[in-house]
């Protein structure tokens, strides 16, 4: 039978173990709650950034950088606590919580342009733009009629949010202060869990060579990377669409692929070129300046 001294030693060990367990639970609970509080504050701040009028490309870039720093701090904290790595930022804790997303119903001002959702009365401009063979030459759609434009307006007016994969944002570009429509830009959140997007743009021939496509597409990149938290944005175009290729290159996008005769479009086999940009590449560069010379003919990146 154990001596009283041994029994007292065992009792003391049990008490110390209980105290250590209670302290560990208290510490882990407090750490978890602190992280939850930090995440909630971060999401509220990013949501307020996405609702600025006008939003700042620089502010969205800084929000992205802050998000990455937060992700690194969280990873180091989990390692210090002996916990396994959390899910990557691409699936957990992206720059904008997917339940909040990005939704815009008011005009967005860039340096020289106003980007706004489509509304009644825009049909005339779209018909003038998309009924031109040289504009739709490298798009999937044929020359558009008044009936085609009318049938597409309801869908265009709904493209004001990026809350989940499959959503799309499409905005009309207007020059200021006149407010004349000059083209439109789009960003599509691609299906799947990989936080991929696709940017598109079209500029009216009367307004080409002024850098409007670059300026409008740069806004889409800022929204996609800085507000929504996409990891990669691509631009796809027909290989002969040199004007759109110059725009994507001016945005700093990298030419990644040339797919030969991969699509049958408008009665011919067409090549497709793919450009891409990663979130960290976007955050690490300055906003591009408008091109110094005209770029014709017109075209659309992703339409």
Protein backbone atom coordinates (compact mmCIF):
# COMPACT_ATOMS: atom_id res chain seq x y z
CA UNK A 1 0.00 0.00 0.00
CA UNK A 2 1.39 3.47 -0.96
CA UNK A 3 2.64 5.60 1.86
CA UNK A 4 0.75 8.79 2.86
CA UNK A 5 3.58 10.85 1.35
CA UNK A 6 3.15 9.18 -2.05
CA UNK A 7 -0.63 9.66 -1.89
CA UNK A 8 -0.19 13.36 -1.10
CA UNK A 9 2.22 13.64 -4.04
CA UNK A 10 -0.31 12.04 -6.40
CA UNK A 11 -3.07 14.34 -5.14
CA UNK A 12 -0.84 17.36 -5.70
CA UNK A 13 -0.07 16.21 -9.24
CA UNK A 14 -3.78 15.76 -9.99
CA UNK A 15 -4.55 19.25 -8.67
CA UNK A 16 -1.74 20.78 -10.73
CA UNK A 17 -2.94 18.93 -13.84
CA UNK A 18 -6.48 20.22 -13.31
CA UNK A 19 -5.22 23.78 -12.86
CA UNK A 20 -3.06 23.52 -15.99
CA UNK A 21 -6.03 22.19 -17.98
CA UNK A 22 -8.25 25.02 -16.79
CA UNK A 23 -5.61 27.62 -17.64
CA UNK A 24 -5.12 26.07 -21.10
CA UNK A 25 -8.87 26.12 -21.80
CA UNK A 26 -9.06 29.73 -20.59
CA UNK A 27 -6.11 30.77 -22.77
CA UNK A 28 -7.30 28.94 -25.89
CA UNK A 29 -10.82 30.35 -25.46
CA UNK A 30 -9.48 33.86 -25.03
CA UNK A 31 -7.16 33.51 -28.02
CA UNK A 32 -9.99 32.16 -30.17
CA UNK A 33 -12.30 34.98 -29.11
CA UNK A 34 -9.62 37.58 -29.79
CA UNK A 35 -9.08 36.18 -33.27
CA UNK A 36 -12.81 36.15 -33.94
CA UNK A 37 -12.99 39.76 -32.84
CA UNK A 38 -10.08 40.70 -35.11
CA UNK A 39 -11.66 38.88 -38.05
CA UNK A 40 -14.99 40.65 -37.49
CA UNK A 41 -13.31 44.06 -37.34
CA UNK A 42 -11.33 43.28 -40.48
CA UNK A 43 -14.43 42.24 -42.40
CA UNK A 44 -16.29 45.38 -41.31
CA UNK A 45 -13.38 47.55 -42.41
CA UNK A 46 -13.10 45.86 -45.79
CA UNK A 47 -16.85 46.12 -46.28
CA UNK A 48 -16.69 49.86 -45.60
CA UNK A 49 -13.84 50.12 -48.13
CA UNK A 50 -15.97 48.45 -50.79
CA UNK A 51 -18.79 50.92 -50.11
CA UNK A 52 -16.68 54.07 -50.41
CA UNK A 53 -17.91 56.59 -52.94
CA UNK A 54 -15.71 56.76 -54.87
CA UNK A 55 -13.64 53.72 -53.91
CA UNK A 56 -9.89 54.21 -53.97
CA UNK A 57 -7.75 51.77 -55.91
CA UNK A 58 -4.88 52.51 -53.54
CA UNK A 59 -7.09 51.90 -50.49
CA UNK A 60 -8.26 48.56 -51.87
CA UNK A 61 -4.65 47.58 -52.58
CA UNK A 62 -3.66 48.50 -49.01
CA UNK A 63 -6.59 46.47 -47.68
CA UNK A 64 -5.35 43.47 -49.62
CA UNK A 65 -1.82 43.90 -48.24
CA UNK A 66 -3.21 44.20 -44.71
CA UNK A 67 -5.21 41.03 -45.27
CA UNK A 68 -2.08 39.14 -46.27
CA UNK A 69 -0.24 40.41 -43.19
CA UNK A 70 -3.16 39.26 -41.04
CA UNK A 71 -3.03 35.83 -42.68
CA UNK A 72 0.69 35.53 -41.91
CA UNK A 73 0.18 36.60 -38.30
CA UNK A 74 -2.56 34.01 -37.92
CA UNK A 75 -0.37 31.27 -39.40
CA UNK A 76 2.50 32.10 -37.02
CA UNK A 77 0.11 32.22 -34.04
CA UNK A 78 -1.28 28.77 -34.89
CA UNK A 79 2.26 27.42 -35.22
CA UNK A 80 3.22 28.88 -31.81
CA UNK A 81 0.12 27.26 -30.29
CA UNK A 82 1.06 23.89 -31.77
CA UNK A 83 -2.04 23.89 -34.00
CA UNK A 84 -2.15 22.58 -37.58
CA UNK A 85 -2.17 25.14 -40.42
CA UNK A 86 -5.54 26.67 -41.17
CA UNK A 87 -7.08 26.64 -44.61
CA UNK A 88 -5.27 28.87 -47.07
CA UNK A 89 -6.44 32.47 -47.59
CA UNK A 90 -7.90 31.40 -50.94
CA UNK A 91 -10.59 29.36 -49.18
CA UNK A 92 -10.78 30.90 -45.72
CA UNK A 93 -10.42 34.55 -44.85
CA UNK A 94 -10.20 36.05 -48.34
CA UNK A 95 -10.02 39.83 -48.57
CA UNK A 96 -13.82 40.05 -48.46
CA UNK A 97 -15.95 37.53 -46.62
CA UNK A 98 -17.94 35.68 -49.28
CA UNK A 99 -21.20 36.25 -47.41
CA UNK A 100 -20.66 39.99 -47.78
CA UNK A 101 -19.18 40.17 -51.27
CA UNK A 102 -19.14 43.24 -53.46
CA UNK A 103 -22.35 44.95 -54.55
CA UNK A 104 -22.53 48.34 -56.23
CA UNK A 105 -25.61 50.26 -57.34
CA UNK A 106 -24.13 53.78 -57.38
CA UNK A 107 -21.59 55.35 -59.80
CA UNK A 108 -17.90 54.75 -59.18
CA UNK A 109 -15.51 57.57 -60.08
CA UNK A 110 -12.05 56.84 -61.46
CA UNK A 111 -9.49 59.42 -62.58
CA UNK A 112 -11.32 60.38 -65.75
CA UNK A 113 -14.33 58.10 -65.94
CA UNK A 114 -17.55 57.30 -64.13
CA UNK A 115 -18.52 53.62 -64.01
CA UNK A 116 -22.17 52.93 -63.23
CA UNK A 117 -24.69 50.09 -63.53
CA UNK A 118 -26.79 49.90 -66.67
CA UNK A 119 -30.20 51.57 -66.60
CA UNK A 120 -33.10 52.40 -68.88
CA UNK A 121 -32.00 54.69 -71.68
CA UNK A 122 -28.64 52.96 -72.30
CA UNK A 123 -30.11 50.93 -75.16
CA UNK A 124 -29.29 53.58 -77.78
CA UNK A 125 -25.59 53.64 -76.92
CA UNK A 126 -25.34 49.84 -76.79
CA UNK A 127 -27.04 49.56 -80.18
CA UNK A 128 -24.64 52.11 -81.68
CA UNK A 129 -21.71 50.21 -80.16
CA UNK A 130 -22.63 46.59 -80.77
CA UNK A 131 -24.20 47.00 -84.21
CA UNK A 132 -20.74 47.83 -85.62
CA UNK A 133 -19.06 44.84 -87.30
CA UNK A 134 -15.58 46.08 -86.33
CA UNK A 135 -16.57 46.15 -82.63
CA UNK A 136 -18.02 42.64 -82.45
CA UNK A 137 -15.43 41.16 -84.82
CA UNK A 138 -13.60 39.31 -82.03
CA UNK A 139 -16.59 38.70 -79.73
CA UNK A 140 -18.75 35.60 -79.62
CA UNK A 141 -21.88 37.61 -80.37
CA UNK A 142 -22.83 38.65 -83.91
CA UNK A 143 -23.83 42.19 -84.87
CA UNK A 144 -26.61 43.16 -82.47
CA UNK A 145 -30.05 44.48 -83.41
CA UNK A 146 -32.41 46.66 -81.39
CA UNK A 147 -34.31 43.51 -80.39
CA UNK A 148 -31.08 41.83 -79.24
CA UNK A 149 -30.17 44.83 -77.08
CA UNK A 150 -33.65 45.01 -75.56
CA UNK A 151 -33.55 41.30 -74.71
CA UNK A 152 -30.19 41.66 -72.95
CA UNK A 153 -30.93 44.76 -70.85
CA UNK A 154 -32.57 42.98 -67.90
CA UNK A 155 -29.51 40.75 -67.47
CA UNK A 156 -27.14 43.72 -67.80
CA UNK A 157 -28.98 45.67 -65.09
CA UNK A 158 -28.70 42.70 -62.71
CA UNK A 159 -24.91 42.44 -63.01
CA UNK A 160 -24.11 44.63 -60.02
CA UNK A 161 -22.64 42.19 -57.49
CA UNK A 162 -19.91 39.68 -56.85
CA UNK A 163 -21.06 37.65 -53.85
CA UNK A 164 -20.30 34.10 -54.99
CA UNK A 165 -18.79 32.14 -57.89
CA UNK A 166 -20.89 32.60 -61.01
CA UNK A 167 -21.76 36.25 -60.26
CA UNK A 168 -20.85 39.03 -62.65
CA UNK A 169 -20.31 42.79 -62.47
CA UNK A 170 -20.86 44.87 -65.61
CA UNK A 171 -20.61 48.66 -65.57
CA UNK A 172 -21.09 51.34 -68.22
CA UNK A 173 -18.13 53.70 -68.63
CA UNK A 174 -18.89 57.40 -69.05
CA UNK A 175 -16.43 60.25 -69.56
CA UNK A 176 -16.67 63.15 -67.12
CA UNK A 177 -17.84 65.85 -66.78
CA UNK A 178 -19.93 65.33 -69.94
CA UNK A 179 -21.16 61.93 -68.82
CA UNK A 180 -21.20 60.49 -72.35
CA UNK A 181 -21.07 56.67 -72.53
CA UNK A 182 -17.77 55.50 -74.00
CA UNK A 183 -17.86 51.73 -73.41
CA UNK A 184 -18.31 49.14 -70.68
CA UNK A 185 -16.24 46.86 -68.46
CA UNK A 186 -17.02 43.58 -66.75
CA UNK A 187 -15.68 41.15 -64.19
CA UNK A 188 -16.96 37.59 -63.91
CA UNK A 189 -16.31 35.44 -60.83
CA UNK A 190 -15.61 32.04 -62.36
CA UNK A 191 -17.25 28.91 -61.01
CA UNK A 192 -15.32 26.73 -58.58
CA UNK A 193 -13.46 27.16 -55.28
CA UNK A 194 -10.28 28.68 -56.73
CA UNK A 195 -11.11 32.42 -56.52
CA UNK A 196 -10.63 33.07 -60.23
CA UNK A 197 -12.07 35.97 -62.22
CA UNK A 198 -12.23 37.12 -65.83
CA UNK A 199 -12.07 40.76 -66.93
CA UNK A 200 -13.62 42.18 -70.09
CA UNK A 201 -13.89 45.59 -71.78
CA UNK A 202 -15.24 47.27 -74.90
CA UNK A 203 -14.69 50.91 -75.92
CA UNK A 204 -16.58 52.78 -78.63
CA UNK A 205 -14.38 53.49 -81.70
CA UNK A 206 -14.94 57.24 -81.27
CA UNK A 207 -13.20 57.11 -77.87
CA UNK A 208 -10.33 54.71 -78.49
CA UNK A 209 -6.71 55.66 -78.04
CA UNK A 210 -7.36 57.57 -74.80
CA UNK A 211 -6.61 54.81 -72.32
CA UNK A 212 -10.25 54.38 -71.30
CA UNK A 213 -10.16 50.58 -71.61
CA UNK A 214 -7.07 50.44 -69.40
CA UNK A 215 -8.59 52.75 -66.79
CA UNK A 216 -11.88 50.85 -66.68
CA UNK A 217 -10.20 47.45 -66.54
CA UNK A 218 -7.90 48.64 -63.74
CA UNK A 219 -11.02 49.42 -61.70
CA UNK A 220 -12.24 45.86 -62.26
CA UNK A 221 -8.90 44.49 -61.04
CA UNK A 222 -9.09 46.65 -57.91
CA UNK A 223 -12.60 45.39 -57.18
CA UNK A 224 -11.73 41.77 -57.92
CA UNK A 225 -8.50 41.65 -55.94
CA UNK A 226 -8.93 44.39 -53.34
CA UNK A 227 -12.62 44.13 -52.45
CA UNK A 228 -13.69 40.59 -53.34
CA UNK A 229 -10.41 38.80 -52.61
CA UNK A 230 -9.93 36.92 -55.88
CA UNK A 231 -6.57 35.18 -56.26
CA UNK A 232 -6.22 35.25 -60.06
CA UNK A 233 -7.87 37.25 -62.84
CA UNK A 234 -7.57 36.34 -66.51
CA UNK A 235 -8.26 38.06 -69.80
CA UNK A 236 -9.15 35.87 -72.78
CA UNK A 237 -9.15 37.10 -76.39
CA UNK A 238 -8.88 36.02 -80.00
CA UNK A 239 -5.24 35.90 -81.00
CA UNK A 240 -5.67 38.55 -83.74
CA UNK A 241 -7.20 41.07 -81.33
CA UNK A 242 -4.00 43.10 -80.94
CA UNK A 243 -5.70 46.15 -79.40
CA UNK A 244 -7.09 44.21 -76.44
CA UNK A 245 -3.79 42.39 -76.01
CA UNK A 246 -2.05 45.77 -75.61
CA UNK A 247 -4.54 46.78 -72.93
CA UNK A 248 -3.95 43.59 -70.93
CA UNK A 249 -0.20 43.97 -71.24
CA UNK A 250 -0.45 47.58 -70.11
CA UNK A 251 -2.30 46.34 -67.01
CA UNK A 252 0.72 44.17 -66.22
CA UNK A 253 -1.00 40.92 -67.13
CA UNK A 254 1.19 38.02 -68.19
CA UNK A 255 0.64 36.17 -71.47
CA UNK A 256 0.31 32.56 -70.35
CA UNK A 257 -1.11 30.55 -73.23
CA UNK A 258 -1.82 30.53 -76.96
CA UNK A 259 -4.40 27.88 -77.77
CA UNK A 260 -4.43 27.07 -81.46
CA UNK A 261 -7.81 26.65 -83.20
CA UNK A 262 -9.52 25.73 -79.94
CA UNK A 263 -12.90 27.31 -80.76
CA UNK A 264 -15.22 27.36 -83.76
CA UNK A 265 -16.57 30.92 -83.84
CA UNK A 266 -18.41 32.73 -86.63
CA UNK A 267 -17.69 30.12 -89.24
CA UNK A 268 -13.97 29.61 -88.60
CA UNK A 269 -11.51 28.00 -86.23
CA UNK A 270 -10.08 30.69 -83.98
CA UNK A 271 -7.02 30.82 -81.72
CA UNK A 272 -7.35 32.00 -78.14
CA UNK A 273 -4.73 33.82 -76.06
CA UNK A 274 -4.91 33.87 -72.26
CA UNK A 275 -3.43 36.61 -70.06
CA UNK A 276 -3.42 36.44 -66.25
CA UNK A 277 -2.49 38.39 -63.13
CA UNK A 278 -2.17 37.19 -59.52
CA UNK A 279 -3.33 39.17 -56.50
CA UNK A 280 0.20 39.69 -55.16
CA UNK A 281 1.38 40.88 -58.57
CA UNK A 282 -1.44 43.42 -58.71
CA UNK A 283 -0.72 44.63 -55.18
CA UNK A 284 2.96 45.06 -55.88
CA UNK A 285 2.72 47.44 -58.82
CA UNK A 286 1.47 50.95 -59.39
CA UNK A 287 -1.68 51.85 -61.29
CA UNK A 288 -0.81 51.92 -65.01
CA UNK A 289 -0.78 55.17 -66.97
CA UNK A 290 -2.90 55.55 -70.13
CA UNK A 291 -1.16 54.45 -73.35
CA UNK A 292 0.57 57.21 -75.28
CA UNK A 293 -0.66 56.23 -78.74
CA UNK A 294 -4.00 55.09 -80.20
CA UNK A 295 -4.72 51.39 -80.27
CA UNK A 296 -7.04 50.36 -83.10
CA UNK A 297 -9.06 48.40 -84.07
CA UNK A 298 -11.37 47.97 -81.10
CA UNK A 299 -12.07 44.73 -79.31
CA UNK A 300 -13.26 43.15 -76.11
CA UNK A 301 -11.15 41.16 -73.67
CA UNK A 302 -13.84 38.84 -72.40
CA UNK A 303 -16.70 40.80 -73.87
